[in-house]
């Protein structure tokens, strides 16, 4: 299983703080098939993943492999993912977090295929 942990290293607020700092934001995803396991190695190698919102804010998603016991603990302790679960979806699907200008292009290519 892969555990994705969200942090906000780039904070664009007036006081330089993120209101969610200090809480764990974790999503755990299973990796089952052989192909998925091979891709998971690439995902682990690319960690952490950074996303710049362009307004002073930047997110970071770190990835690590966990076992079932640790996955349950992380799920219980997690405060959610602050609405940024799409970042995990993109990492799992594309091996990175897409830039805003890439999203429509990649989605439309899938629709055409």
C-alpha atoms as a PDB file:
ATOM      1  CA  UNK A   1       0.000   0.000   0.000  1.00  0.00           C
ATOM      2  CA  UNK A   2       1.075   3.558  -0.633  1.00  0.00           C
ATOM      3  CA  UNK A   3       0.554   6.340   1.898  1.00  0.00           C
ATOM      4  CA  UNK A   4       0.299   9.867   0.473  1.00  0.00           C
ATOM      5  CA  UNK A   5       0.911  12.686   2.963  1.00  0.00           C
ATOM      6  CA  UNK A   6      -0.042  16.302   2.229  1.00  0.00           C
ATOM      7  CA  UNK A   7       1.862  19.323   3.484  1.00  0.00           C
ATOM      8  CA  UNK A   8       1.917  22.991   2.501  1.00  0.00           C
ATOM      9  CA  UNK A   9       5.539  24.137   2.315  1.00  0.00           C
ATOM     10  CA  UNK A  10       4.551  27.285   0.425  1.00  0.00           C
ATOM     11  CA  UNK A  11       2.172  29.410   2.452  1.00  0.00           C
ATOM     12  CA  UNK A  12       0.741  32.564   0.939  1.00  0.00           C
ATOM     13  CA  UNK A  13      -1.280  33.757   3.935  1.00  0.00           C
ATOM     14  CA  UNK A  14      -0.754  37.125   5.611  1.00  0.00           C
ATOM     15  CA  UNK A  15       0.726  35.490   8.710  1.00  0.00           C
ATOM     16  CA  UNK A  16       2.789  32.859   6.875  1.00  0.00           C
ATOM     17  CA  UNK A  17       0.854  29.994   8.429  1.00  0.00           C
ATOM     18  CA  UNK A  18      -1.381  27.241   7.140  1.00  0.00           C
ATOM     19  CA  UNK A  19      -4.410  26.672   9.365  1.00  0.00           C
ATOM     20  CA  UNK A  20      -4.042  22.917   8.827  1.00  0.00           C
ATOM     21  CA  UNK A  21      -0.425  22.718   9.985  1.00  0.00           C
ATOM     22  CA  UNK A  22       0.237  20.182  12.669  1.00  0.00           C
ATOM     23  CA  UNK A  23      -2.491  17.754  11.606  1.00  0.00           C
ATOM     24  CA  UNK A  24      -1.849  14.615   9.552  1.00  0.00           C
ATOM     25  CA  UNK A  25      -3.393  14.569   6.079  1.00  0.00           C
ATOM     26  CA  UNK A  26      -2.989  11.082   4.643  1.00  0.00           C
ATOM     27  CA  UNK A  27      -4.621   8.967   1.943  1.00  0.00           C
ATOM     28  CA  UNK A  28      -3.704   5.280   1.690  1.00  0.00           C
ATOM     29  CA  UNK A  29      -4.150   3.507  -1.627  1.00  0.00           C
ATOM     30  CA  UNK A  30      -3.797  -0.237  -2.239  1.00  0.00           C
ATOM     31  CA  UNK A  31      -1.456  -1.530  -4.934  1.00  0.00           C
ATOM     32  CA  UNK A  32      -2.624  -4.933  -6.119  1.00  0.00           C
ATOM     33  CA  UNK A  33      -1.712  -5.899  -9.654  1.00  0.00           C
ATOM     34  CA  UNK A  34       1.805  -6.626 -10.871  1.00  0.00           C
ATOM     35  CA  UNK A  35       1.662  -3.654 -13.257  1.00  0.00           C
ATOM     36  CA  UNK A  36       0.455  -1.399 -10.440  1.00  0.00           C
ATOM     37  CA  UNK A  37       3.318  -2.592  -8.222  1.00  0.00           C
ATOM     38  CA  UNK A  38       5.845  -1.735 -10.932  1.00  0.00           C
ATOM     39  CA  UNK A  39       4.291   1.713 -11.372  1.00  0.00           C
ATOM     40  CA  UNK A  40       4.272   2.136  -7.563  1.00  0.00           C
ATOM     41  CA  UNK A  41       8.066   1.848  -7.606  1.00  0.00           C
ATOM     42  CA  UNK A  42       8.208   4.767 -10.041  1.00  0.00           C
ATOM     43  CA  UNK A  43       5.816   6.755  -7.845  1.00  0.00           C
ATOM     44  CA  UNK A  44       7.975   6.114  -4.781  1.00  0.00           C
ATOM     45  CA  UNK A  45      11.088   7.176  -6.692  1.00  0.00           C
ATOM     46  CA  UNK A  46       9.450  10.482  -7.687  1.00  0.00           C
ATOM     47  CA  UNK A  47       8.394  11.466  -4.172  1.00  0.00           C
ATOM     48  CA  UNK A  48       7.817  14.144  -3.006  1.00  0.00           C
ATOM     49  CA  UNK A  49       5.514  15.750  -5.560  1.00  0.00           C
ATOM     50  CA  UNK A  50       5.111  19.522  -5.521  1.00  0.00           C
ATOM     51  CA  UNK A  51       2.266  21.622  -6.860  1.00  0.00           C
ATOM     52  CA  UNK A  52       2.533  25.407  -7.101  1.00  0.00           C
ATOM     53  CA  UNK A  53      -0.841  27.142  -7.099  1.00  0.00           C
ATOM     54  CA  UNK A  54       0.732  30.329  -8.508  1.00  0.00           C
ATOM     55  CA  UNK A  55      -0.492  32.575  -5.704  1.00  0.00           C
ATOM     56  CA  UNK A  56       2.185  32.010  -3.096  1.00  0.00           C
ATOM     57  CA  UNK A  57       0.743  28.678  -2.013  1.00  0.00           C
ATOM     58  CA  UNK A  58       2.412  25.356  -2.806  1.00  0.00           C
ATOM     59  CA  UNK A  59       1.495  21.822  -1.793  1.00  0.00           C
ATOM     60  CA  UNK A  60       3.750  18.827  -1.374  1.00  0.00           C
ATOM     61  CA  UNK A  61       2.642  15.201  -1.457  1.00  0.00           C
ATOM     62  CA  UNK A  62       5.133  12.685  -0.122  1.00  0.00           C
ATOM     63  CA  UNK A  63       4.663   8.977  -0.787  1.00  0.00           C
ATOM     64  CA  UNK A  64       5.872   5.955   1.123  1.00  0.00           C
ATOM     65  CA  UNK A  65       5.103   2.270   1.247  1.00  0.00           C
ATOM     66  CA  UNK A  66       3.219   1.031   4.316  1.00  0.00           C
ATOM     67  CA  UNK A  67       1.918  -2.305   5.574  1.00  0.00           C
ATOM     68  CA  UNK A  68      -1.672  -3.039   6.603  1.00  0.00           C
ATOM     69  CA  UNK A  69      -1.151  -2.237  10.296  1.00  0.00           C
ATOM     70  CA  UNK A  70       0.414   1.155   9.585  1.00  0.00           C
ATOM     71  CA  UNK A  71      -2.217   1.888   6.916  1.00  0.00           C
ATOM     72  CA  UNK A  72      -5.025   1.425   9.470  1.00  0.00           C
ATOM     73  CA  UNK A  73      -3.272   3.724  11.957  1.00  0.00           C
ATOM     74  CA  UNK A  74      -2.728   6.395   9.304  1.00  0.00           C
ATOM     75  CA  UNK A  75      -6.345   6.229   8.122  1.00  0.00           C
ATOM     76  CA  UNK A  76      -7.622   6.636  11.682  1.00  0.00           C
ATOM     77  CA  UNK A  77      -5.315   9.556  12.451  1.00  0.00           C
ATOM     78  CA  UNK A  78      -5.822  11.390   9.145  1.00  0.00           C
ATOM     79  CA  UNK A  79      -7.732  14.665   9.069  1.00  0.00           C
ATOM     80  CA  UNK A  80      -8.703  14.000   5.429  1.00  0.00           C
ATOM     81  CA  UNK A  81      -6.829  15.515   2.513  1.00  0.00           C
ATOM     82  CA  UNK A  82      -8.206  19.079   2.472  1.00  0.00           C
ATOM     83  CA  UNK A  83      -9.981  18.558  -0.852  1.00  0.00           C
ATOM     84  CA  UNK A  84      -6.723  17.758  -2.632  1.00  0.00           C
ATOM     85  CA  UNK A  85      -7.402  14.069  -3.252  1.00  0.00           C
ATOM     86  CA  UNK A  86      -7.224  14.866  -6.965  1.00  0.00           C
ATOM     87  CA  UNK A  87      -3.462  15.222  -6.530  1.00  0.00           C
ATOM     88  CA  UNK A  88      -3.235  11.594  -5.384  1.00  0.00           C
ATOM     89  CA  UNK A  89      -5.468  10.536  -8.294  1.00  0.00           C
ATOM     90  CA  UNK A  90      -3.141  12.268 -10.760  1.00  0.00           C
ATOM     91  CA  UNK A  91      -0.006  10.792  -9.195  1.00  0.00           C
ATOM     92  CA  UNK A  92      -1.565   7.321  -9.360  1.00  0.00           C
ATOM     93  CA  UNK A  93      -2.721   7.819 -12.957  1.00  0.00           C
ATOM     94  CA  UNK A  94       0.044   9.932 -14.513  1.00  0.00           C
ATOM     95  CA  UNK A  95       3.007   9.559 -12.160  1.00  0.00           C
ATOM     96  CA  UNK A  96       2.920  13.262 -11.288  1.00  0.00           C
ATOM     97  CA  UNK A  97       0.603  16.142 -10.442  1.00  0.00           C
ATOM     98  CA  UNK A  98      -0.480  17.760 -13.688  1.00  0.00           C
ATOM     99  CA  UNK A  99      -0.241  21.487 -14.279  1.00  0.00           C
ATOM    100  CA  UNK A 100      -3.552  23.294 -14.699  1.00  0.00           C
ATOM    101  CA  UNK A 101      -2.953  23.831 -18.431  1.00  0.00           C
ATOM    102  CA  UNK A 102      -2.384  20.078 -18.937  1.00  0.00           C
ATOM    103  CA  UNK A 103      -5.598  18.829 -17.376  1.00  0.00           C
ATOM    104  CA  UNK A 104      -7.995  19.542 -20.230  1.00  0.00           C
ATOM    105  CA  UNK A 105      -5.522  18.330 -22.843  1.00  0.00           C
ATOM    106  CA  UNK A 106      -4.880  14.980 -21.183  1.00  0.00           C
ATOM    107  CA  UNK A 107      -8.565  14.446 -20.365  1.00  0.00           C
ATOM    108  CA  UNK A 108      -9.596  15.183 -23.949  1.00  0.00           C
ATOM    109  CA  UNK A 109      -6.963  12.768 -25.287  1.00  0.00           C
ATOM    110  CA  UNK A 110      -8.480  10.011 -23.158  1.00  0.00           C
ATOM    111  CA  UNK A 111     -11.944  10.795 -24.474  1.00  0.00           C
ATOM    112  CA  UNK A 112     -10.688  10.508 -28.057  1.00  0.00           C
ATOM    113  CA  UNK A 113      -8.960   7.145 -27.472  1.00  0.00           C
END
